[in-house]
């Protein structure tokens, strides 16, 4: 676990930490949301890599891609997940979201539908004590609870409480067709996770009227931190990963009309 003296978590992503002031308070749960191709998985894998480089433990929980595919992504940016696995710092593990949903249902039945359930045995490996957890993705877990949104909310509430109690910093990926916090598109769809999360980082694909695409990032909220509220350019560069440009503000850089996707 992270030393109790450490109060803030640093992502290690160039430019991002400048938007976050002191950093992310240790033990925070951060949503990383965006549409297809916005870079959510690479963004989180890079944070995992940077965490391991500091000698901290990271658990990447995938509900979609297999472990080998995740390793291929990391290799593509010059990262070495096998080295961290051998050092006992990294665990990449694929989970079945339907198994999670069934386990939650069984536990709730045993508890006579009470709210308190123990999420540890149905999600967190007992043999690994992580400083960082990435969940990829909440959307896949929510789909497994189709028709039982109240069960999903109960599970999420207990999961967030577990992370906070254990002082584990977490990044939770959510796939959205359009940024869910923007105007008329705002919709929780029964997930209610935006209100539970301590922070929200949105990744955008921005298209100008000429059809040119630009990647962008925004820190929407982060409890306990004085963030810089701006939408800025982000690039995903071969052998480097994500680079955030905190002073390249979208709107100042793009001199024509544009839309978010």
Protein backbone atom coordinates (compact mmCIF):
# COMPACT_ATOMS: atom_id res chain seq x y z
CA UNK A 1 0.00 0.00 0.00
CA UNK A 2 0.99 3.64 -0.37
CA UNK A 3 2.88 5.07 2.59
CA UNK A 4 0.43 6.87 4.86
CA UNK A 5 2.71 9.91 4.69
CA UNK A 6 1.94 10.29 0.98
CA UNK A 7 -1.14 12.46 0.68
CA UNK A 8 -1.24 12.99 -3.08
CA UNK A 9 -1.02 10.62 -6.04
CA UNK A 10 0.85 11.74 -9.17
CA UNK A 11 -0.20 10.34 -12.54
CA UNK A 12 3.22 10.85 -14.09
CA UNK A 13 1.54 11.91 -17.35
CA UNK A 14 3.33 14.97 -18.68
CA UNK A 15 1.10 18.04 -18.38
CA UNK A 16 -1.77 16.36 -16.54
CA UNK A 17 -0.38 16.88 -13.06
CA UNK A 18 -0.08 20.61 -13.82
CA UNK A 19 -3.88 20.74 -14.14
CA UNK A 20 -4.28 18.95 -10.81
CA UNK A 21 -2.30 21.27 -8.57
CA UNK A 22 -0.93 19.19 -5.70
CA UNK A 23 -2.09 15.98 -7.38
CA UNK A 24 -4.91 13.52 -6.73
CA UNK A 25 -5.61 12.91 -3.02
CA UNK A 26 -4.55 9.35 -2.18
CA UNK A 27 -7.59 7.10 -1.88
CA UNK A 28 -9.63 9.04 -4.44
CA UNK A 29 -11.81 7.35 -7.06
CA UNK A 30 -11.54 9.01 -10.46
CA UNK A 31 -13.83 8.44 -13.44
CA UNK A 32 -12.12 8.49 -16.83
CA UNK A 33 -14.85 8.93 -19.40
CA UNK A 34 -14.88 9.35 -23.14
CA UNK A 35 -16.10 7.96 -26.43
CA UNK A 36 -14.60 5.17 -28.55
CA UNK A 37 -11.03 5.91 -29.60
CA UNK A 38 -10.55 8.77 -27.14
CA UNK A 39 -7.57 7.03 -25.50
CA UNK A 40 -9.06 5.91 -22.18
CA UNK A 41 -7.30 2.53 -22.01
CA UNK A 42 -3.88 3.87 -23.02
CA UNK A 43 -4.30 6.78 -20.60
CA UNK A 44 -4.93 4.40 -17.69
CA UNK A 45 -2.26 1.89 -18.73
CA UNK A 46 0.24 4.74 -18.75
CA UNK A 47 -0.73 5.68 -15.20
CA UNK A 48 -0.31 2.01 -14.24
CA UNK A 49 3.15 1.95 -15.83
CA UNK A 50 4.19 5.16 -14.08
CA UNK A 51 2.94 3.83 -10.75
CA UNK A 52 5.02 0.66 -11.10
CA UNK A 53 8.07 2.72 -12.07
CA UNK A 54 7.78 4.37 -8.64
CA UNK A 55 7.85 0.95 -6.97
CA UNK A 56 4.11 0.96 -6.17
CA UNK A 57 1.66 -1.86 -6.88
CA UNK A 58 -1.03 -1.59 -9.57
CA UNK A 59 -3.99 -3.83 -10.40
CA UNK A 60 -5.60 -3.48 -13.84
CA UNK A 61 -9.04 -5.10 -13.87
CA UNK A 62 -10.27 -5.68 -17.40
CA UNK A 63 -13.85 -6.68 -18.14
CA UNK A 64 -13.35 -6.53 -21.90
CA UNK A 65 -9.84 -7.07 -23.28
CA UNK A 66 -7.71 -10.13 -22.35
CA UNK A 67 -4.44 -9.75 -20.49
CA UNK A 68 -2.29 -10.38 -23.56
CA UNK A 69 -4.01 -7.61 -25.52
CA UNK A 70 -3.33 -5.18 -22.70
CA UNK A 71 0.32 -6.19 -22.71
CA UNK A 72 0.44 -5.60 -26.47
CA UNK A 73 -0.88 -2.08 -25.91
CA UNK A 74 1.86 -1.46 -23.36
CA UNK A 75 4.58 -2.89 -25.58
CA UNK A 76 3.45 -0.51 -28.33
CA UNK A 77 4.53 2.42 -26.18
CA UNK A 78 7.81 0.89 -25.04
CA UNK A 79 6.55 -0.23 -21.62
CA UNK A 80 7.55 -3.55 -20.07
CA UNK A 81 4.66 -5.11 -18.10
CA UNK A 82 6.44 -8.46 -17.73
CA UNK A 83 9.23 -6.81 -15.72
CA UNK A 84 6.73 -5.35 -13.28
CA UNK A 85 4.89 -8.67 -13.01
CA UNK A 86 8.13 -10.43 -12.06
CA UNK A 87 8.80 -7.73 -9.46
CA UNK A 88 5.36 -8.32 -7.96
CA UNK A 89 4.27 -4.77 -8.76
CA UNK A 90 1.70 -5.40 -11.50
CA UNK A 91 -1.29 -7.64 -11.94
CA UNK A 92 -3.28 -7.53 -15.18
CA UNK A 93 -6.40 -9.62 -14.75
CA UNK A 94 -9.49 -10.21 -16.85
CA UNK A 95 -12.81 -10.59 -15.04
CA UNK A 96 -16.23 -11.78 -16.19
CA UNK A 97 -18.78 -9.07 -15.44
CA UNK A 98 -21.63 -11.60 -15.41
CA UNK A 99 -19.87 -13.56 -12.67
CA UNK A 100 -19.64 -10.36 -10.63
CA UNK A 101 -23.36 -9.68 -11.10
CA UNK A 102 -24.30 -13.23 -10.06
CA UNK A 103 -22.06 -13.07 -6.99
CA UNK A 104 -23.58 -9.76 -5.91
CA UNK A 105 -27.08 -11.18 -6.34
CA UNK A 106 -26.19 -14.22 -4.23
CA UNK A 107 -24.65 -12.08 -1.48
CA UNK A 108 -27.65 -9.77 -1.41
CA UNK A 109 -29.97 -12.76 -1.13
CA UNK A 110 -27.96 -14.10 1.80
CA UNK A 111 -28.04 -10.66 3.42
CA UNK A 112 -31.83 -10.44 2.92
CA UNK A 113 -31.37 -7.54 0.48
CA UNK A 114 -29.40 -5.46 2.98
CA UNK A 115 -27.12 -2.79 1.53
CA UNK A 116 -23.93 -3.98 3.19
CA UNK A 117 -22.04 -6.59 1.18
CA UNK A 118 -18.37 -7.52 1.13
CA UNK A 119 -17.02 -6.64 -2.31
CA UNK A 120 -13.47 -7.85 -1.60
CA UNK A 121 -13.92 -11.58 -2.28
CA UNK A 122 -15.85 -10.98 -5.51
CA UNK A 123 -13.50 -8.48 -7.05
CA UNK A 124 -10.11 -7.87 -5.42
CA UNK A 125 -7.57 -10.75 -5.54
CA UNK A 126 -6.67 -11.77 -1.98
CA UNK A 127 -3.01 -12.29 -2.84
CA UNK A 128 -2.38 -8.73 -4.07
CA UNK A 129 -2.39 -5.49 -2.09
CA UNK A 130 -2.52 -2.66 -4.67
CA UNK A 131 -1.81 1.04 -4.30
CA UNK A 132 -3.68 1.69 -7.56
CA UNK A 133 -6.67 -0.02 -9.16
CA UNK A 134 -7.95 0.55 -12.70
CA UNK A 135 -11.39 -0.77 -13.66
CA UNK A 136 -11.97 -1.17 -17.41
CA UNK A 137 -14.82 -0.62 -17.61
CA UNK A 138 -17.80 0.40 -15.49
CA UNK A 139 -19.89 0.27 -18.65
CA UNK A 140 -19.24 -3.47 -19.01
CA UNK A 141 -20.17 -4.08 -15.37
CA UNK A 142 -23.35 -2.00 -15.70
CA UNK A 143 -24.37 -4.02 -18.77
CA UNK A 144 -24.08 -7.24 -16.75
CA UNK A 145 -26.62 -5.82 -14.28
CA UNK A 146 -29.11 -5.09 -17.10
CA UNK A 147 -32.61 -4.76 -15.68
CA UNK A 148 -31.26 -4.68 -12.12
CA UNK A 149 -29.97 -1.14 -11.80
CA UNK A 150 -30.62 -1.04 -8.06
CA UNK A 151 -28.22 -3.98 -7.64
CA UNK A 152 -25.58 -2.14 -9.65
CA UNK A 153 -25.96 0.98 -7.50
CA UNK A 154 -25.64 -1.07 -4.31
CA UNK A 155 -22.52 -2.75 -5.65
CA UNK A 156 -20.98 0.56 -6.75
CA UNK A 157 -21.69 2.20 -3.40
CA UNK A 158 -19.95 -0.62 -1.56
CA UNK A 159 -17.06 -0.72 -4.04
CA UNK A 160 -16.38 3.00 -3.63
CA UNK A 161 -16.57 2.65 0.17
CA UNK A 162 -14.12 -0.25 0.06
CA UNK A 163 -11.61 1.76 -2.00
CA UNK A 164 -11.89 4.75 0.34
CA UNK A 165 -11.53 2.61 3.46
CA UNK A 166 -8.50 0.82 2.00
CA UNK A 167 -6.90 4.12 0.89
CA UNK A 168 -6.57 2.79 -2.67
CA UNK A 169 -6.45 5.33 -5.50
CA UNK A 170 -8.56 4.18 -8.43
CA UNK A 171 -9.31 5.09 -12.03
CA UNK A 172 -12.61 3.78 -13.39
CA UNK A 173 -13.19 3.88 -17.13
CA UNK A 174 -16.64 4.68 -18.46
CA UNK A 175 -17.54 4.49 -22.15
CA UNK A 176 -19.90 7.27 -23.24
CA UNK A 177 -21.29 8.10 -26.66
CA UNK A 178 -21.17 11.79 -25.76
CA UNK A 179 -19.73 13.59 -22.72
CA UNK A 180 -22.40 12.93 -20.10
CA UNK A 181 -21.90 16.16 -18.19
CA UNK A 182 -22.54 18.50 -21.13
CA UNK A 183 -25.95 20.20 -21.23
CA UNK A 184 -28.81 18.20 -22.72
CA UNK A 185 -26.69 15.06 -22.95
CA UNK A 186 -26.36 14.73 -19.18
CA UNK A 187 -27.71 11.34 -18.14
CA UNK A 188 -26.62 8.86 -15.52
CA UNK A 189 -28.62 5.99 -17.02
CA UNK A 190 -29.02 4.51 -13.56
CA UNK A 191 -25.31 4.35 -12.86
CA UNK A 192 -25.10 7.27 -10.39
CA UNK A 193 -21.32 6.93 -10.38
CA UNK A 194 -20.51 10.58 -11.15
CA UNK A 195 -21.81 11.55 -7.72
CA UNK A 196 -19.89 8.77 -5.97
CA UNK A 197 -16.58 9.55 -7.67
CA UNK A 198 -14.12 12.02 -6.17
CA UNK A 199 -12.90 13.11 -9.58
CA UNK A 200 -13.87 13.08 -13.24
CA UNK A 201 -11.43 13.31 -16.15
CA UNK A 202 -13.01 13.53 -19.60
CA UNK A 203 -11.21 12.61 -22.82
CA UNK A 204 -12.60 14.08 -26.03
CA UNK A 205 -12.38 13.67 -29.76
CA UNK A 206 -12.91 17.17 -31.15
CA UNK A 207 -13.78 17.72 -34.81
CA UNK A 208 -13.57 21.12 -36.49
CA UNK A 209 -15.74 22.11 -39.46
CA UNK A 210 -13.03 20.96 -41.86
CA UNK A 211 -13.11 17.42 -40.44
CA UNK A 212 -9.79 17.60 -38.58
CA UNK A 213 -9.76 15.66 -35.31
CA UNK A 214 -7.95 16.74 -32.15
CA UNK A 215 -7.70 14.83 -28.88
CA UNK A 216 -8.45 16.83 -25.75
CA UNK A 217 -8.71 16.41 -21.99
CA UNK A 218 -10.60 18.14 -19.20
CA UNK A 219 -10.43 17.70 -15.44
CA UNK A 220 -14.08 18.30 -14.55
CA UNK A 221 -13.79 17.83 -10.81
CA UNK A 222 -11.35 16.62 -8.17
CA UNK A 223 -12.32 16.81 -4.52
CA UNK A 224 -9.72 18.41 -2.27
CA UNK A 225 -7.73 19.93 -5.13
CA UNK A 226 -7.74 23.36 -6.78
CA UNK A 227 -7.88 22.26 -10.42
CA UNK A 228 -7.39 24.31 -13.57
CA UNK A 229 -10.75 24.26 -15.35
CA UNK A 230 -10.03 24.18 -19.05
CA UNK A 231 -10.28 21.84 -22.03
CA UNK A 232 -6.77 21.34 -23.38
CA UNK A 233 -5.08 19.47 -26.18
CA UNK A 234 -3.77 15.95 -25.63
CA UNK A 235 -1.67 13.83 -27.97
CA UNK A 236 -1.00 10.10 -27.98
CA UNK A 237 2.54 9.65 -29.26
CA UNK A 238 4.29 6.42 -30.23
CA UNK A 239 6.84 5.21 -27.63
CA UNK A 240 5.72 7.96 -25.25
CA UNK A 241 2.01 7.62 -24.60
CA UNK A 242 -0.30 10.48 -23.63
CA UNK A 243 1.03 14.01 -23.37
CA UNK A 244 -1.24 16.77 -22.09
CA UNK A 245 -0.65 20.40 -23.07
CA UNK A 246 -2.10 22.41 -20.16
CA UNK A 247 -1.66 25.76 -21.89
CA UNK A 248 -3.06 24.78 -25.31
CA UNK A 249 -6.70 25.56 -24.62
CA UNK A 250 -9.21 24.24 -27.14
CA UNK A 251 -11.08 27.23 -28.54
CA UNK A 252 -7.97 29.37 -28.51
CA UNK A 253 -6.09 26.82 -30.63
CA UNK A 254 -8.98 25.90 -32.95
CA UNK A 255 -10.05 29.14 -34.62
CA UNK A 256 -13.18 27.70 -36.24
CA UNK A 257 -16.36 26.04 -35.01
CA UNK A 258 -15.93 22.54 -33.58
CA UNK A 259 -17.91 19.76 -31.94
CA UNK A 260 -17.26 17.16 -29.23
CA UNK A 261 -17.48 13.44 -30.01
